[in-house]
Amino acid sequence: MKRKIATAILAGALAQLALADSTVQQAQEELKAQGYYFGQIDGDKNADTIAAIRRFQIRKGLQVTGELDEETLRALHADSASSTAATTPTPQPQNLEGSENSTERVAPAPPPRDLQAEREQPAPAESAASIFRNTPYEMAPPELQQRVIFGAQTLLRRRGFYKGESDGVFRPNLEFSLRAFQSRLGIPPHGRLDMDTLAALGLLPGQRGRTPMEIPHRRIVPSEEPPVRGEWIH
């Protein structure tokens, strides 16, 4: 009797382990398809998998835990379903040559989209009005807005959140860094330079130290350091 109970317990534990590995493997596949995971798809919840989960949670504004909780899995499956729907071609009616009712040839279906190539293309820069919404810099001259963005890049780099170019241009890697910084401070991780984020960085007019209005007008030279993709939260 004891042996049967022990066997049943062991079988249940093995079933749970197999289910967990299957969940992790499916999550790895979906994270890799969406450009968040770069490791092997092996069902092992290693450091690369946890880092990919955290990147996805930051991007989606979820609680950054690195765990495959119910909310994260639901968002991940929803994004995967939308990507699959976008890449599935619509069936075209067949028009056989030589048919008595055939009047014209049906144009061939377009080739499927190359999502990987699309992900590698840089996203367009966001408008300054959206980045600085409801802040003193929303209607500021473009030169001042550029200096504020340059200051944010510099300060985020010092804190270990930003690894891209310091050129005063708002790009997706800066948005990702802002989301990580905001998540660390308990600010809603929307990726914009709002009042709370500007205050946390010390970039609001009148704050102590050198504000963007006091930064000398000079030509911004892009950094030669290439952008680094990875986990920047320590």
Protein backbone atom coordinates (compact mmCIF):
# COMPACT_ATOMS: atom_id res chain seq x y z
CA MET A 1 0.00 0.00 0.00
CA LYS A 2 2.80 2.42 0.92
CA ARG A 3 4.60 1.59 -2.30
CA LYS A 4 1.50 2.45 -4.34
CA ILE A 5 1.13 5.80 -2.54
CA ALA A 6 4.79 6.62 -3.10
CA THR A 7 4.49 5.68 -6.78
CA ALA A 8 1.43 7.89 -7.17
CA ILE A 9 3.20 10.83 -5.51
CA LEU A 10 6.26 10.38 -7.73
CA ALA A 11 4.11 10.16 -10.86
CA GLY A 12 2.28 13.36 -9.88
CA ALA A 13 5.56 15.18 -9.26
CA LEU A 14 6.94 14.05 -12.62
CA ALA A 15 3.75 15.16 -14.36
CA GLN A 16 3.97 18.62 -12.74
CA LEU A 17 7.64 18.89 -13.74
CA ALA A 18 6.84 17.95 -17.35
CA LEU A 19 4.00 20.49 -17.40
CA ALA A 20 6.31 23.21 -16.01
CA ASP A 21 8.99 22.40 -18.62
CA SER A 22 6.34 22.51 -21.35
CA THR A 23 5.12 25.92 -20.15
CA VAL A 24 8.68 27.32 -20.04
CA GLN A 25 9.47 25.88 -23.48
CA GLN A 26 6.33 27.40 -25.00
CA ALA A 27 7.13 30.75 -23.36
CA GLN A 28 10.68 30.58 -24.75
CA GLU A 29 9.31 29.99 -28.25
CA GLU A 30 6.88 32.91 -27.99
CA LEU A 31 9.48 35.26 -26.45
CA LYS A 32 11.97 34.35 -29.17
CA ALA A 33 9.38 34.91 -31.91
CA GLN A 34 8.69 38.39 -30.50
CA GLY A 35 12.39 39.32 -30.16
CA TYR A 36 12.81 39.12 -26.37
CA TYR A 37 14.67 35.79 -25.99
CA PHE A 38 17.90 34.81 -27.74
CA GLY A 39 18.86 31.51 -26.09
CA GLN A 40 18.12 27.85 -26.72
CA ILE A 41 14.52 26.56 -26.57
CA ASP A 42 15.03 23.78 -24.05
CA GLY A 43 12.36 24.27 -21.35
CA ASP A 44 15.03 25.31 -18.84
CA LYS A 45 14.14 28.44 -16.86
CA ASN A 46 17.68 29.82 -16.86
CA ALA A 47 19.02 33.35 -16.47
CA ASP A 48 18.46 34.18 -20.16
CA THR A 49 14.82 33.06 -19.92
CA ILE A 50 14.21 35.13 -16.76
CA ALA A 51 15.84 38.18 -18.39
CA ALA A 52 13.60 37.78 -21.46
CA ILE A 53 10.50 37.54 -19.24
CA ARG A 54 11.53 40.73 -17.41
CA ARG A 55 12.08 42.55 -20.72
CA PHE A 56 8.62 41.51 -21.89
CA GLN A 57 7.03 42.59 -18.57
CA ILE A 58 8.74 46.00 -18.76
CA ARG A 59 7.61 46.52 -22.35
CA LYS A 60 3.99 45.60 -21.49
CA GLY A 61 3.85 47.64 -18.27
CA LEU A 62 3.40 44.52 -16.11
CA GLN A 63 4.85 43.87 -12.67
CA VAL A 64 8.52 43.02 -13.25
CA THR A 65 9.03 39.67 -11.48
CA GLY A 66 10.74 37.46 -14.03
CA GLU A 67 8.09 34.81 -13.34
CA LEU A 68 5.59 33.27 -15.74
CA ASP A 69 2.56 34.33 -13.74
CA GLU A 70 -0.97 34.22 -15.10
CA GLU A 71 -0.99 37.85 -16.24
CA THR A 72 2.34 37.49 -18.08
CA LEU A 73 1.28 34.26 -19.81
CA ARG A 74 -2.01 35.82 -20.88
CA ALA A 75 -0.26 38.86 -22.41
CA LEU A 76 2.37 36.65 -24.04
CA HIS A 77 -0.22 34.33 -25.62
CA ALA A 78 -2.26 37.32 -26.83
CA ASP A 79 0.76 38.85 -28.60
CA SER A 80 1.67 35.48 -30.15
CA ALA A 81 -1.90 35.01 -31.41
CA SER A 82 -1.92 38.46 -33.03
CA SER A 83 1.46 37.78 -34.70
CA THR A 84 0.19 34.45 -36.07
CA ALA A 85 -2.95 36.08 -37.43
CA ALA A 86 -0.86 38.76 -39.14
CA THR A 87 1.37 36.19 -40.88
CA THR A 88 -1.39 33.76 -41.99
CA PRO A 89 -2.29 34.50 -45.64
CA THR A 90 -5.95 34.74 -46.58
CA PRO A 91 -7.02 31.74 -48.71
CA GLN A 92 -7.56 32.71 -52.34
CA PRO A 93 -10.27 31.12 -54.52
CA GLN A 94 -8.81 28.68 -57.01
CA ASN A 95 -9.33 29.32 -60.70
CA LEU A 96 -8.32 26.26 -62.69
CA GLU A 97 -7.03 26.83 -66.19
CA GLY A 98 -9.19 25.26 -68.83
CA SER A 99 -12.39 25.40 -66.80
CA GLU A 100 -15.48 26.27 -68.79
CA ASN A 101 -16.45 29.01 -66.30
CA SER A 102 -12.96 30.47 -66.08
CA THR A 103 -12.88 34.10 -67.20
CA GLU A 104 -9.69 35.40 -65.60
CA ARG A 105 -6.71 34.23 -63.61
CA VAL A 106 -6.59 34.82 -59.88
CA ALA A 107 -3.56 36.79 -58.76
CA PRO A 108 -1.17 34.74 -56.58
CA ALA A 109 -1.25 35.33 -52.84
CA PRO A 110 1.44 37.73 -51.55
CA PRO A 111 4.43 36.12 -49.83
CA PRO A 112 4.30 35.93 -46.02
CA ARG A 113 5.81 38.83 -44.11
CA ASP A 114 9.30 38.41 -42.74
CA LEU A 115 8.67 39.39 -39.12
CA GLN A 116 12.30 38.87 -38.13
CA ALA A 117 13.47 41.38 -40.75
CA GLU A 118 10.78 43.82 -39.63
CA ARG A 119 11.90 43.55 -36.01
CA GLU A 120 15.47 44.38 -37.01
CA GLN A 121 14.35 47.61 -38.69
CA PRO A 122 14.63 50.63 -36.35
CA ALA A 123 11.30 52.03 -35.19
CA PRO A 124 10.58 55.68 -36.07
CA ALA A 125 11.39 58.24 -33.39
CA GLU A 126 8.46 59.32 -31.25
CA SER A 127 7.24 62.91 -31.52
CA ALA A 128 8.52 65.38 -28.92
CA ALA A 129 4.96 66.42 -28.02
CA SER A 130 4.23 62.84 -26.98
CA ILE A 131 7.53 62.35 -25.13
CA PHE A 132 7.19 65.56 -23.06
CA ARG A 133 3.39 65.55 -22.69
CA ASN A 134 2.16 67.78 -19.81
CA THR A 135 5.69 68.96 -18.94
CA PRO A 136 7.44 72.36 -19.28
CA TYR A 137 9.26 71.03 -22.35
CA GLU A 138 6.16 70.05 -24.35
CA MET A 139 6.20 73.31 -26.35
CA ALA A 140 9.90 74.10 -25.89
CA PRO A 141 12.19 74.76 -28.90
CA PRO A 142 13.56 71.63 -30.56
CA GLU A 143 17.12 72.51 -29.48
CA LEU A 144 16.10 72.50 -25.80
CA GLN A 145 14.15 69.27 -26.18
CA GLN A 146 17.20 67.67 -27.77
CA ARG A 147 19.39 68.78 -24.84
CA VAL A 148 16.89 67.33 -22.35
CA ILE A 149 16.92 63.98 -24.17
CA PHE A 150 20.72 64.09 -24.28
CA GLY A 151 20.76 64.78 -20.53
CA ALA A 152 18.40 61.84 -19.91
CA GLN A 153 20.66 59.55 -21.96
CA THR A 154 23.72 60.69 -20.02
CA LEU A 155 22.11 60.32 -16.58
CA LEU A 156 20.57 56.93 -17.37
CA ARG A 157 23.95 55.75 -18.65
CA ARG A 158 25.59 56.75 -15.33
CA ARG A 159 22.96 54.73 -13.45
CA GLY A 160 23.51 51.66 -15.65
CA PHE A 161 20.13 51.72 -17.42
CA TYR A 162 21.17 52.98 -20.89
CA LYS A 163 23.75 51.51 -23.26
CA GLY A 164 22.89 53.22 -26.55
CA GLU A 165 24.14 56.33 -28.34
CA SER A 166 24.12 59.71 -26.57
CA ASP A 167 22.88 61.85 -29.45
CA GLY A 168 19.76 63.62 -28.17
CA VAL A 169 17.44 61.45 -30.30
CA PHE A 170 14.60 59.52 -28.67
CA ARG A 171 14.79 55.91 -29.94
CA PRO A 172 13.24 52.60 -28.79
CA ASN A 173 16.33 51.68 -26.74
CA LEU A 174 15.95 54.91 -24.73
CA GLU A 175 12.25 54.15 -24.21
CA PHE A 176 13.19 50.68 -22.93
CA SER A 177 15.76 52.21 -20.55
CA LEU A 178 13.18 54.70 -19.25
CA ARG A 179 10.72 51.86 -18.61
CA ALA A 180 13.35 49.99 -16.59
CA PHE A 181 14.26 53.15 -14.64
CA GLN A 182 10.61 53.97 -13.94
CA SER A 183 9.87 50.42 -12.85
CA ARG A 184 12.78 50.55 -10.41
CA LEU A 185 11.44 53.79 -8.83
CA GLY A 186 7.80 52.73 -8.73
CA ILE A 187 6.79 55.16 -11.51
CA PRO A 188 4.28 53.82 -14.08
CA PRO A 189 6.59 52.36 -16.78
CA HIS A 190 5.23 54.15 -19.85
CA GLY A 191 8.65 55.08 -21.31
CA ARG A 192 8.02 58.86 -21.58
CA LEU A 193 9.81 61.80 -19.96
CA ASP A 194 6.91 62.88 -17.74
CA MET A 195 7.10 65.15 -14.68
CA ASP A 196 7.92 62.35 -12.20
CA THR A 197 10.68 60.93 -14.41
CA LEU A 198 12.20 64.34 -15.17
CA ALA A 199 12.17 65.13 -11.44
CA ALA A 200 13.81 61.80 -10.59
CA LEU A 201 16.56 62.53 -13.13
CA GLY A 202 16.95 66.14 -11.95
CA LEU A 203 16.05 67.56 -15.36
CA LEU A 204 13.21 69.92 -14.44
CA PRO A 205 13.84 73.69 -14.70
CA GLY A 206 14.83 75.14 -11.34
CA GLN A 207 16.09 71.90 -9.82
CA ARG A 208 19.44 71.97 -8.10
CA GLY A 209 22.44 71.46 -10.30
CA ARG A 210 22.79 72.02 -14.02
CA THR A 211 19.39 71.92 -15.65
CA PRO A 212 19.03 71.48 -19.42
CA MET A 213 18.55 75.25 -19.84
CA GLU A 214 22.03 75.77 -18.36
CA ILE A 215 23.75 73.18 -20.55
CA PRO A 216 25.99 75.01 -23.07
CA HIS A 217 24.78 75.03 -26.65
CA ARG A 218 27.13 72.63 -28.43
CA ARG A 219 27.04 70.12 -31.20
CA ILE A 220 26.07 66.68 -29.90
CA VAL A 221 28.47 64.01 -31.18
CA PRO A 222 26.98 60.51 -31.25
CA SER A 223 28.74 57.98 -29.07
CA GLU A 224 30.65 55.21 -30.86
CA GLU A 225 29.47 52.65 -28.32
CA PRO A 226 26.93 50.35 -30.05
CA PRO A 227 23.53 49.69 -28.48
CA VAL A 228 23.49 46.66 -26.21
CA ARG A 229 20.43 44.43 -26.02
CA GLY A 230 20.03 42.60 -22.76
CA GLU A 231 18.99 42.85 -19.14
CA TRP A 232 19.91 46.24 -17.68
CA ILE A 233 18.18 45.92 -14.30
CA HIS A 234 20.53 45.11 -11.42
